[in-house]
C-alpha atoms as a PDB file:
ATOM      1  CA  MET A   1     -10.781 -19.930   0.764  1.00  0.00           C
ATOM      2  CA  SER A   2      -9.818 -17.367  -1.692  1.00  0.00           C
ATOM      3  CA  ILE A   3      -6.785 -15.123  -1.706  1.00  0.00           C
ATOM      4  CA  ILE A   4      -7.695 -11.288  -1.116  1.00  0.00           C
ATOM      5  CA  GLU A   5      -5.383  -8.974  -3.166  1.00  0.00           C
ATOM      6  CA  SER A   6      -3.759  -6.394  -0.940  1.00  0.00           C
ATOM      7  CA  PRO A   7      -1.466  -3.492  -1.541  1.00  0.00           C
ATOM      8  CA  CYS A   8       0.268  -4.045   1.798  1.00  0.00           C
ATOM      9  CA  ILE A   9       4.184  -4.206   1.510  1.00  0.00           C
ATOM     10  CA  LEU A  10       4.657  -4.822   5.278  1.00  0.00           C
ATOM     11  CA  VAL A  11       5.915  -1.085   5.966  1.00  0.00           C
ATOM     12  CA  CYS A  12       3.078  -0.433   8.406  1.00  0.00           C
ATOM     13  CA  ALA A  13       3.241   3.120   9.706  1.00  0.00           C
ATOM     14  CA  ILE A  14       0.770   5.900   9.389  1.00  0.00           C
ATOM     15  CA  ASP A  15       1.597   9.340   8.133  1.00  0.00           C
ATOM     16  CA  MET A  16       0.124  11.554  10.989  1.00  0.00           C
ATOM     17  CA  LYS A  17      -0.278  14.538   8.398  1.00  0.00           C
ATOM     18  CA  THR A  18      -2.328  12.651   5.738  1.00  0.00           C
ATOM     19  CA  GLY A  19      -3.637   9.567   7.701  1.00  0.00           C
ATOM     20  CA  TYR A  20      -2.219   7.038   5.028  1.00  0.00           C
ATOM     21  CA  CYS A  21       0.062   4.258   5.540  1.00  0.00           C
ATOM     22  CA  PHE A  22       3.551   5.061   4.303  1.00  0.00           C
ATOM     23  CA  GLY A  23       3.795   1.587   2.776  1.00  0.00           C
ATOM     24  CA  CYS A  24       0.471   1.017   0.996  1.00  0.00           C
ATOM     25  CA  GLY A  25      -1.411   4.413   1.115  1.00  0.00           C
ATOM     26  CA  ARG A  26      -4.486   3.025   3.142  1.00  0.00           C
ATOM     27  CA  THR A  27      -6.164   4.574   6.133  1.00  0.00           C
ATOM     28  CA  ARG A  28      -6.226   2.567   9.514  1.00  0.00           C
ATOM     29  CA  GLU A  29     -10.058   2.054   8.863  1.00  0.00           C
ATOM     30  CA  GLU A  30      -9.418   0.682   5.453  1.00  0.00           C
ATOM     31  CA  ILE A  31      -6.600  -1.635   6.577  1.00  0.00           C
ATOM     32  CA  GLY A  32      -8.717  -2.745   9.414  1.00  0.00           C
ATOM     33  CA  ALA A  33     -11.831  -3.658   7.235  1.00  0.00           C
ATOM     34  CA  TRP A  34      -9.900  -4.876   4.253  1.00  0.00           C
ATOM     35  CA  SER A  35     -10.658  -8.601   4.529  1.00  0.00           C
ATOM     36  CA  VAL A  36     -14.399  -7.864   4.871  1.00  0.00           C
ATOM     37  CA  MET A  37     -14.740  -5.304   1.983  1.00  0.00           C
ATOM     38  CA  SER A  38     -16.327  -6.221  -1.099  1.00  0.00           C
ATOM     39  CA  PRO A  39     -13.821  -6.841  -4.119  1.00  0.00           C
ATOM     40  CA  ASP A  40     -15.389  -3.660  -5.766  1.00  0.00           C
ATOM     41  CA  ASN A  41     -14.641  -1.561  -2.601  1.00  0.00           C
ATOM     42  CA  ARG A  42     -11.128  -2.810  -2.523  1.00  0.00           C
ATOM     43  CA  ARG A  43     -10.573  -2.029  -6.210  1.00  0.00           C
ATOM     44  CA  THR A  44     -11.848   1.328  -5.866  1.00  0.00           C
ATOM     45  CA  ILE A  45      -9.418   2.224  -3.047  1.00  0.00           C
ATOM     46  CA  MET A  46      -6.554   0.469  -4.941  1.00  0.00           C
ATOM     47  CA  ALA A  47      -7.227   2.757  -7.865  1.00  0.00           C
ATOM     48  CA  ASP A  48      -6.736   5.670  -5.499  1.00  0.00           C
ATOM     49  CA  LEU A  49      -3.507   4.584  -3.899  1.00  0.00           C
ATOM     50  CA  PRO A  50      -1.035   5.948  -6.191  1.00  0.00           C
ATOM     51  CA  ALA A  51      -2.489   9.553  -5.997  1.00  0.00           C
ATOM     52  CA  ARG A  52      -2.489   9.168  -2.166  1.00  0.00           C
ATOM     53  CA  MET A  53       1.146   7.963  -2.009  1.00  0.00           C
ATOM     54  CA  GLU A  54       2.025  11.206  -3.902  1.00  0.00           C
ATOM     55  CA  THR A  55       0.670  13.264  -0.937  1.00  0.00           C
ATOM     56  CA  ILE A  56       2.904  11.490   1.628  1.00  0.00           C
ATOM     57  CA  GLU A  57       6.174  13.501   2.299  1.00  0.00           C
ATOM     58  CA  ARG A  58       8.294  11.018   4.054  1.00  0.00           C
ATOM     59  CA  ARG A  59       8.991   7.718   2.413  1.00  0.00           C
ATOM     60  CA  PRO A  60      10.141   4.385   4.001  1.00  0.00           C
ATOM     61  CA  ARG A  61      13.865   4.388   4.916  1.00  0.00           C
ATOM     62  CA  ARG A  62      14.457   0.980   4.003  1.00  0.00           C
ATOM     63  CA  GLU A  63      13.935  -0.831   0.615  1.00  0.00           C
ATOM     64  CA  THR A  64      10.677  -2.703   0.660  1.00  0.00           C
ATOM     65  CA  ARG A  65      10.147  -6.198  -0.787  1.00  0.00           C
ATOM     66  CA  ARG A  66       8.154  -4.656  -3.683  1.00  0.00           C
ATOM     67  CA  GLY A  67      10.768  -2.096  -4.455  1.00  0.00           C
ATOM     68  CA  ARG A  68      13.514  -4.612  -4.390  1.00  0.00           C
ATOM     69  CA  MET A  69      11.592  -6.976  -6.713  1.00  0.00           C
ATOM     70  CA  ALA A  70      10.878  -3.990  -9.223  1.00  0.00           C
ATOM     71  CA  ARG A  71      14.577  -2.959  -8.958  1.00  0.00           C
ATOM     72  CA  GLU A  72      15.739  -6.595  -9.770  1.00  0.00           C
ATOM     73  CA  LYS A  73      13.324  -6.899 -12.522  1.00  0.00           C
ATOM     74  CA  GLU A  74      14.502  -3.727 -14.112  1.00  0.00           C
ATOM     75  CA  GLN A  75      18.074  -4.853 -13.809  1.00  0.00           C
ATOM     76  CA  GLY A  76      17.292  -8.335 -15.030  1.00  0.00           C
ATOM     77  CA  ILE A  77      18.385 -10.168 -11.836  1.00  0.00           C
END
């Protein structure tokens, strides 16, 4: 069994204005179909995620695991 790359950061809530997840930027449909999508489809969606995240107005209130790891890396922890 191979591991499927995922942008999920376990902040699962959908922005009702954009339809994107606050944590990863995917739609509900994309999240639901992620495990059965082709690697090419997943890569295409992942390439769009940074631009999608810019359209979400509210950000998660708590620090995410990915955010904490990036901060610690920058600080050399």
